[in-house]
Amino acid sequence: PVSDTLRATGVTEIIGNWLSLTAASLPPWG
């Protein structure tokens, strides 16, 4: 239940948005 708080509080969504923004500036292999 402690680990699931990342999903329940929306932290994983923040991580996903950050990944999308970061990966957009990288070459495909990056």
Full PDB file with SEQRES, HELIX, SHEET, SSBOND, CRYST1, ORIGX, SCALE, CONECT and MASTER records, all heavy atoms in Angstrom:
SEQRES   1 A   30  PRO VAL SER ASP THR LEU ARG ALA THR GLY VAL THR GLU          
SEQRES   2 A   30  ILE ILE GLY ASN TRP LEU SER LEU THR ALA ALA SER LEU          
SEQRES   3 A   30  PRO PRO TRP GLY                                              
HELIX    1 AA1 THR A    5  ALA A    8  1                                   4    
HELIX    2 AA2 VAL A   11  ALA A   23  1                                  13    
CRYST1    1.000    1.000    1.000  90.00  90.00  90.00 P 1           1          
ORIGX1      1.000000  0.000000  0.000000        0.00000                         
ORIGX2      0.000000  1.000000  0.000000        0.00000                         
ORIGX3      0.000000  0.000000  1.000000        0.00000                         
SCALE1      1.000000  0.000000  0.000000        0.00000                         
SCALE2      0.000000  1.000000  0.000000        0.00000                         
SCALE3      0.000000  0.000000  1.000000        0.00000                         
ATOM      1  N   PRO A   1       0.812  -1.233   0.000  1.00  0.00           N  
ATOM      2  CA  PRO A   1       0.000   0.000   0.000  1.00  0.00           C  
ATOM      3  C   PRO A   1       0.838   1.272   0.000  1.00  0.00           C  
ATOM      4  O   PRO A   1       0.419   2.291  -0.558  1.00  0.00           O  
ATOM      5  CB  PRO A   1      -0.836  -0.122   1.284  1.00  0.00           C  
ATOM      6  CG  PRO A   1      -0.120  -1.104   2.133  1.00  0.00           C  
ATOM      7  CD  PRO A   1       0.569  -2.052   1.208  1.00  0.00           C  
ATOM      8  N   VAL A   2       2.052   1.212   0.590  1.00  0.00           N  
ATOM      9  CA  VAL A   2       2.919   2.396   0.586  1.00  0.00           C  
ATOM     10  C   VAL A   2       3.372   2.705  -0.833  1.00  0.00           C  
ATOM     11  O   VAL A   2       3.345   3.855  -1.289  1.00  0.00           O  
ATOM     12  CB  VAL A   2       4.135   2.171   1.509  1.00  0.00           C  
ATOM     13  CG1 VAL A   2       5.104   3.343   1.409  1.00  0.00           C  
ATOM     14  CG2 VAL A   2       3.688   1.988   2.952  1.00  0.00           C  
ATOM     15  N   SER A   3       3.802   1.678  -1.568  1.00  0.00           N  
ATOM     16  CA  SER A   3       4.260   1.883  -2.943  1.00  0.00           C  
ATOM     17  C   SER A   3       3.131   2.367  -3.847  1.00  0.00           C  
ATOM     18  O   SER A   3       3.354   3.151  -4.770  1.00  0.00           O  
ATOM     19  CB  SER A   3       4.840   0.583  -3.492  1.00  0.00           C  
ATOM     20  OG  SER A   3       5.957   0.175  -2.737  1.00  0.00           O  
ATOM     21  N   ASP A   4       1.918   1.914  -3.584  1.00  0.00           N  
ATOM     22  CA  ASP A   4       0.782   2.274  -4.440  1.00  0.00           C  
ATOM     23  C   ASP A   4       0.401   3.742  -4.301  1.00  0.00           C  
ATOM     24  O   ASP A   4      -0.356   4.269  -5.136  1.00  0.00           O  
ATOM     25  CB  ASP A   4      -0.414   1.388  -4.097  1.00  0.00           C  
ATOM     26  CG  ASP A   4      -1.533   1.503  -5.119  1.00  0.00           C  
ATOM     27  OD1 ASP A   4      -1.238   1.351  -6.323  1.00  0.00           O  
ATOM     28  OD2 ASP A   4      -2.685   1.761  -4.726  1.00  0.00           O  
ATOM     29  N   THR A   5       0.922   4.411  -3.281  1.00  0.00           N  
ATOM     30  CA  THR A   5       0.601   5.839  -3.131  1.00  0.00           C  
ATOM     31  C   THR A   5       1.167   6.663  -4.289  1.00  0.00           C  
ATOM     32  O   THR A   5       0.651   7.747  -4.587  1.00  0.00           O  
ATOM     33  CB  THR A   5       1.152   6.395  -1.804  1.00  0.00           C  
ATOM     34  OG1 THR A   5       2.585   6.236  -1.771  1.00  0.00           O  
ATOM     35  CG2 THR A   5       0.533   5.667  -0.617  1.00  0.00           C  
ATOM     36  N   LEU A   6       2.219   6.180  -4.959  1.00  0.00           N  
ATOM     37  CA  LEU A   6       2.734   6.893  -6.131  1.00  0.00           C  
ATOM     38  C   LEU A   6       1.665   7.008  -7.209  1.00  0.00           C  
ATOM     39  O   LEU A   6       1.509   8.047  -7.849  1.00  0.00           O  
ATOM     40  CB  LEU A   6       3.959   6.161  -6.692  1.00  0.00           C  
ATOM     41  CG  LEU A   6       5.260   6.236  -5.894  1.00  0.00           C  
ATOM     42  CD1 LEU A   6       6.327   5.382  -6.555  1.00  0.00           C  
ATOM     43  CD2 LEU A   6       5.739   7.676  -5.763  1.00  0.00           C  
ATOM     44  N   ARG A   7       0.933   5.919  -7.412  1.00  0.00           N  
ATOM     45  CA  ARG A   7      -0.138   5.932  -8.408  1.00  0.00           C  
ATOM     46  C   ARG A   7      -1.357   6.685  -7.898  1.00  0.00           C  
ATOM     47  O   ARG A   7      -1.940   7.521  -8.608  1.00  0.00           O  
ATOM     48  CB  ARG A   7      -0.525   4.503  -8.773  1.00  0.00           C  
ATOM     49  CG  ARG A   7      -1.648   4.390  -9.796  1.00  0.00           C  
ATOM     50  CD  ARG A   7      -2.279   3.016  -9.768  1.00  0.00           C  
ATOM     51  NE  ARG A   7      -2.787   2.663  -8.450  1.00  0.00           N  
ATOM     52  CZ  ARG A   7      -3.962   3.101  -7.961  1.00  0.00           C  
ATOM     53  NH1 ARG A   7      -4.728   3.906  -8.690  1.00  0.00           N  
ATOM     54  NH2 ARG A   7      -4.350   2.738  -6.763  1.00  0.00           N  
ATOM     55  N   ALA A   8      -1.729   6.411  -6.645  1.00  0.00           N  
ATOM     56  CA  ALA A   8      -2.961   6.985  -6.099  1.00  0.00           C  
ATOM     57  C   ALA A   8      -2.903   8.508  -6.002  1.00  0.00           C  
ATOM     58  O   ALA A   8      -3.922   9.191  -6.178  1.00  0.00           O  
ATOM     59  CB  ALA A   8      -3.255   6.377  -4.726  1.00  0.00           C  
ATOM     60  N   THR A   9      -1.732   9.056  -5.718  1.00  0.00           N  
ATOM     61  CA  THR A   9      -1.608  10.513  -5.569  1.00  0.00           C  
ATOM     62  C   THR A   9      -1.273  11.209  -6.890  1.00  0.00           C  
ATOM     63  O   THR A   9      -1.216  12.446  -6.928  1.00  0.00           O  
ATOM     64  CB  THR A   9      -0.519  10.854  -4.535  1.00  0.00           C  
ATOM     65  OG1 THR A   9       0.739  10.310  -4.981  1.00  0.00           O  
ATOM     66  CG2 THR A   9      -0.879  10.291  -3.171  1.00  0.00           C  
ATOM     67  N   GLY A  10      -1.033  10.440  -7.953  1.00  0.00           N  
ATOM     68  CA  GLY A  10      -0.754  11.046  -9.247  1.00  0.00           C  
ATOM     69  C   GLY A  10       0.706  11.304  -9.535  1.00  0.00           C  
ATOM     70  O   GLY A  10       1.033  11.958 -10.542  1.00  0.00           O  
ATOM     71  N   VAL A  11       1.612  10.790  -8.705  1.00  0.00           N  
ATOM     72  CA  VAL A  11       3.042  10.991  -8.950  1.00  0.00           C  
ATOM     73  C   VAL A  11       3.468  10.306 -10.249  1.00  0.00           C  
ATOM     74  O   VAL A  11       4.286  10.841 -11.004  1.00  0.00           O  
ATOM     75  CB  VAL A  11       3.876  10.457  -7.760  1.00  0.00           C  
ATOM     76  CG1 VAL A  11       5.372  10.523  -8.080  1.00  0.00           C  
ATOM     77  CG2 VAL A  11       3.579  11.270  -6.512  1.00  0.00           C  
ATOM     78  N   THR A  12       2.899   9.140 -10.532  1.00  0.00           N  
ATOM     79  CA  THR A  12       3.276   8.439 -11.758  1.00  0.00           C  
ATOM     80  C   THR A  12       2.859   9.241 -12.997  1.00  0.00           C  
ATOM     81  O   THR A  12       3.546   9.217 -14.027  1.00  0.00           O  
ATOM     82  CB  THR A  12       2.613   7.047 -11.817  1.00  0.00           C  
ATOM     83  OG1 THR A  12       1.203   7.187 -11.622  1.00  0.00           O  
ATOM     84  CG2 THR A  12       3.195   6.140 -10.755  1.00  0.00           C  
ATOM     85  N   GLU A  13       1.760   9.976 -12.914  1.00  0.00           N  
ATOM     86  CA  GLU A  13       1.328  10.806 -14.039  1.00  0.00           C  
ATOM     87  C   GLU A  13       2.307  11.946 -14.279  1.00  0.00           C  
ATOM     88  O   GLU A  13       2.619  12.288 -15.427  1.00  0.00           O  
ATOM     89  CB  GLU A  13      -0.070  11.352 -13.758  1.00  0.00           C  
ATOM     90  CG  GLU A  13      -0.670  12.120 -14.928  1.00  0.00           C  
ATOM     91  CD  GLU A  13      -2.091  12.576 -14.638  1.00  0.00           C  
ATOM     92  OE1 GLU A  13      -2.671  12.079 -13.646  1.00  0.00           O  
ATOM     93  OE2 GLU A  13      -2.606  13.408 -15.390  1.00  0.00           O  
ATOM     94  N   ILE A  14       2.818  12.506 -13.188  1.00  0.00           N  
ATOM     95  CA  ILE A  14       3.823  13.561 -13.314  1.00  0.00           C  
ATOM     96  C   ILE A  14       5.079  13.012 -13.987  1.00  0.00           C  
ATOM     97  O   ILE A  14       5.671  13.655 -14.866  1.00  0.00           O  
ATOM     98  CB  ILE A  14       4.164  14.147 -11.924  1.00  0.00           C  
ATOM     99  CG1 ILE A  14       2.951  14.882 -11.358  1.00  0.00           C  
ATOM    100  CG2 ILE A  14       5.363  15.078 -12.007  1.00  0.00           C  
ATOM    101  CD1 ILE A  14       3.158  15.404  -9.947  1.00  0.00           C  
ATOM    102  N   ILE A  15       5.481  11.811 -13.568  1.00  0.00           N  
ATOM    103  CA  ILE A  15       6.661  11.182 -14.170  1.00  0.00           C  
ATOM    104  C   ILE A  15       6.438  10.963 -15.666  1.00  0.00           C  
ATOM    105  O   ILE A  15       7.332  11.201 -16.490  1.00  0.00           O  
ATOM    106  CB  ILE A  15       6.964   9.847 -13.467  1.00  0.00           C  
ATOM    107  CG1 ILE A  15       7.371  10.092 -12.004  1.00  0.00           C  
ATOM    108  CG2 ILE A  15       8.072   9.080 -14.194  1.00  0.00           C  
ATOM    109  CD1 ILE A  15       7.523   8.818 -11.189  1.00  0.00           C  
ATOM    110  N   GLY A  16       5.245  10.502 -16.028  1.00  0.00           N  
ATOM    111  CA  GLY A  16       4.939  10.258 -17.431  1.00  0.00           C  
ATOM    112  C   GLY A  16       5.007  11.529 -18.265  1.00  0.00           C  
ATOM    113  O   GLY A  16       5.558  11.537 -19.380  1.00  0.00           O  
ATOM    114  N   ASN A  17       4.451  12.621 -17.747  1.00  0.00           N  
ATOM    115  CA  ASN A  17       4.501  13.890 -18.479  1.00  0.00           C  
ATOM    116  C   ASN A  17       5.935  14.370 -18.646  1.00  0.00           C  
ATOM    117  O   ASN A  17       6.315  14.880 -19.711  1.00  0.00           O  
ATOM    118  CB  ASN A  17       3.675  14.951 -17.747  1.00  0.00           C  
ATOM    119  CG  ASN A  17       2.191  14.629 -17.762  1.00  0.00           C  
ATOM    120  OD1 ASN A  17       1.702  13.939 -18.660  1.00  0.00           O  
ATOM    121  ND2 ASN A  17       1.457  15.118 -16.770  1.00  0.00           N  
ATOM    122  N   TRP A  18       6.727  14.201 -17.607  1.00  0.00           N  
ATOM    123  CA  TRP A  18       8.131  14.628 -17.691  1.00  0.00           C  
ATOM    124  C   TRP A  18       8.887  13.806 -18.728  1.00  0.00           C  
ATOM    125  O   TRP A  18       9.692  14.343 -19.498  1.00  0.00           O  
ATOM    126  CB  TRP A  18       8.784  14.469 -16.313  1.00  0.00           C  
ATOM    127  CG  TRP A  18      10.258  14.770 -16.340  1.00  0.00           C  
ATOM    128  CD1 TRP A  18      10.857  15.989 -16.272  1.00  0.00           C  
ATOM    129  CD2 TRP A  18      11.322  13.810 -16.459  1.00  0.00           C  
ATOM    130  NE1 TRP A  18      12.223  15.858 -16.346  1.00  0.00           N  
ATOM    131  CE2 TRP A  18      12.533  14.531 -16.458  1.00  0.00           C  
ATOM    132  CE3 TRP A  18      11.354  12.421 -16.561  1.00  0.00           C  
ATOM    133  CZ2 TRP A  18      13.775  13.903 -16.561  1.00  0.00           C  
ATOM    134  CZ3 TRP A  18      12.575  11.801 -16.660  1.00  0.00           C  
ATOM    135  CH2 TRP A  18      13.777  12.518 -16.659  1.00  0.00           C  
ATOM    136  N   LEU A  19       8.604  12.515 -18.774  1.00  0.00           N  
ATOM    137  CA  LEU A  19       9.266  11.656 -19.755  1.00  0.00           C  
ATOM    138  C   LEU A  19       8.912  12.080 -21.179  1.00  0.00           C  
ATOM    139  O   LEU A  19       9.780  12.114 -22.065  1.00  0.00           O  
ATOM    140  CB  LEU A  19       8.869  10.196 -19.541  1.00  0.00           C  
ATOM    141  CG  LEU A  19       9.544   9.456 -18.401  1.00  0.00           C  
ATOM    142  CD1 LEU A  19       8.937   8.066 -18.248  1.00  0.00           C  
ATOM    143  CD2 LEU A  19      11.043   9.338 -18.658  1.00  0.00           C  
ATOM    144  N   SER A  20       7.651  12.370 -21.403  1.00  0.00           N  
ATOM    145  CA  SER A  20       7.231  12.764 -22.742  1.00  0.00           C  
ATOM    146  C   SER A  20       7.935  14.042 -23.184  1.00  0.00           C  
ATOM    147  O   SER A  20       8.393  14.158 -24.331  1.00  0.00           O  
ATOM    148  CB  SER A  20       5.715  12.962 -22.786  1.00  0.00           C  
ATOM    149  OG  SER A  20       5.050  11.745 -22.525  1.00  0.00           O  
ATOM    150  N   LEU A  21       8.046  15.016 -22.283  1.00  0.00           N  
ATOM    151  CA  LEU A  21       8.702  16.278 -22.633  1.00  0.00           C  
ATOM    152  C   LEU A  21      10.195  16.077 -22.875  1.00  0.00           C  
ATOM    153  O   LEU A  21      10.776  16.638 -23.805  1.00  0.00           O  
ATOM    154  CB  LEU A  21       8.485  17.296 -21.502  1.00  0.00           C  
ATOM    155  CG  LEU A  21       7.054  17.802 -21.315  1.00  0.00           C  
ATOM    156  CD1 LEU A  21       6.950  18.665 -20.067  1.00  0.00           C  
ATOM    157  CD2 LEU A  21       6.589  18.577 -22.548  1.00  0.00           C  
ATOM    158  N   THR A  22      10.825  15.247 -22.028  1.00  0.00           N  
ATOM    159  CA  THR A  22      12.263  15.029 -22.152  1.00  0.00           C  
ATOM    160  C   THR A  22      12.605  14.229 -23.395  1.00  0.00           C  
ATOM    161  O   THR A  22      13.547  14.550 -24.132  1.00  0.00           O  
ATOM    162  CB  THR A  22      12.804  14.296 -20.907  1.00  0.00           C  
ATOM    163  OG1 THR A  22      12.448  15.041 -19.741  1.00  0.00           O  
ATOM    164  CG2 THR A  22      14.315  14.148 -20.986  1.00  0.00           C  
ATOM    165  N   ALA A  23      11.842  13.160 -23.643  1.00  0.00           N  
ATOM    166  CA  ALA A  23      12.152  12.282 -24.765  1.00  0.00           C  
ATOM    167  C   ALA A  23      11.949  12.966 -26.107  1.00  0.00           C  
ATOM    168  O   ALA A  23      12.575  12.594 -27.103  1.00  0.00           O  
ATOM    169  CB  ALA A  23      11.282  11.027 -24.688  1.00  0.00           C  
ATOM    170  N   ALA A  24      11.084  13.982 -26.146  1.00  0.00           N  
ATOM    171  CA  ALA A  24      10.812  14.655 -27.414  1.00  0.00           C  
ATOM    172  C   ALA A  24      12.041  15.345 -27.972  1.00  0.00           C  
ATOM    173  O   ALA A  24      12.158  15.558 -29.183  1.00  0.00           O  
ATOM    174  CB  ALA A  24       9.679  15.662 -27.228  1.00  0.00           C  
ATOM    175  N   SER A  25      12.982  15.701 -27.113  1.00  0.00           N  
ATOM    176  CA  SER A  25      14.188  16.407 -27.560  1.00  0.00           C  
ATOM    177  C   SER A  25      15.355  15.472 -27.826  1.00  0.00           C  
ATOM    178  O   SER A  25      16.455  15.928 -28.124  1.00  0.00           O  
ATOM    179  CB  SER A  25      14.598  17.446 -26.502  1.00  0.00           C  
ATOM    180  OG  SER A  25      14.880  16.798 -25.265  1.00  0.00           O  
ATOM    181  N   LEU A  26      15.140  14.152 -27.711  1.00  0.00           N  
ATOM    182  CA  LEU A  26      16.223  13.187 -27.867  1.00  0.00           C  
ATOM    183  C   LEU A  26      16.129  12.471 -29.208  1.00  0.00           C  
ATOM    184  O   LEU A  26      15.044  12.360 -29.790  1.00  0.00           O  
ATOM    185  CB  LEU A  26      16.156  12.143 -26.734  1.00  0.00           C  
ATOM    186  CG  LEU A  26      16.360  12.652 -25.312  1.00  0.00           C  
ATOM    187  CD1 LEU A  26      16.126  11.510 -24.316  1.00  0.00           C  
ATOM    188  CD2 LEU A  26      17.757  13.222 -25.125  1.00  0.00           C  
ATOM    189  N   PRO A  27      17.255  11.948 -29.703  1.00  0.00           N  
ATOM    190  CA  PRO A  27      17.208  11.085 -30.886  1.00  0.00           C  
ATOM    191  C   PRO A  27      16.499   9.782 -30.535  1.00  0.00           C  
ATOM    192  O   PRO A  27      16.324   9.464 -29.348  1.00  0.00           O  
ATOM    193  CB  PRO A  27      18.682  10.856 -31.222  1.00  0.00           C  
ATOM    194  CG  PRO A  27      19.396  11.070 -29.929  1.00  0.00           C  
ATOM    195  CD  PRO A  27      18.621  12.135 -29.210  1.00  0.00           C  
ATOM    196  N   PRO A  28      16.083   8.991 -31.532  1.00  0.00           N  
ATOM    197  CA  PRO A  28      15.337   7.763 -31.233  1.00  0.00           C  
ATOM    198  C   PRO A  28      16.043   6.838 -30.254  1.00  0.00           C  
ATOM    199  O   PRO A  28      15.398   6.304 -29.344  1.00  0.00           O  
ATOM    200  CB  PRO A  28      15.190   7.121 -32.615  1.00  0.00           C  
ATOM    201  CG  PRO A  28      15.179   8.276 -33.561  1.00  0.00           C  
ATOM    202  CD  PRO A  28      16.146   9.278 -32.969  1.00  0.00           C  
ATOM    203  N   TRP A  29      17.353   6.639 -30.416  1.00  0.00           N  
ATOM    204  CA  TRP A  29      18.038   5.720 -29.502  1.00  0.00           C  
ATOM    205  C   TRP A  29      18.040   6.277 -28.083  1.00  0.00           C  
ATOM    206  O   TRP A  29      17.939   5.522 -27.105  1.00  0.00           O  
ATOM    207  CB  TRP A  29      19.471   5.452 -29.980  1.00  0.00           C  
ATOM    208  CG  TRP A  29      20.397   6.649 -29.920  1.00  0.00           C  
ATOM    209  CD1 TRP A  29      20.684   7.518 -30.929  1.00  0.00           C  
ATOM    210  CD2 TRP A  29      21.140   7.109 -28.775  1.00  0.00           C  
ATOM    211  NE1 TRP A  29      21.555   8.496 -30.511  1.00  0.00           N  
ATOM    212  CE2 TRP A  29      21.859   8.254 -29.180  1.00  0.00           C  
ATOM    213  CE3 TRP A  29      21.267   6.668 -27.468  1.00  0.00           C  
ATOM    214  CZ2 TRP A  29      22.695   8.977 -28.328  1.00  0.00           C  
ATOM    215  CZ3 TRP A  29      22.096   7.375 -26.596  1.00  0.00           C  
ATOM    216  CH2 TRP A  29      22.804   8.503 -27.028  1.00  0.00           C  
ATOM    217  N   GLY A  30      18.155   7.603 -27.944  1.00  0.00           N  
ATOM    218  CA  GLY A  30      18.111   8.213 -26.619  1.00  0.00           C  
ATOM    219  C   GLY A  30      16.748   8.086 -25.983  1.00  0.00           C  
ATOM    220  O   GLY A  30      16.620   7.871 -24.769  1.00  0.00           O  
TER     221      GLY A  30                                                      
MASTER        0    0    0    2    0    0    0    6  220    1    0    3          
END                                                                             
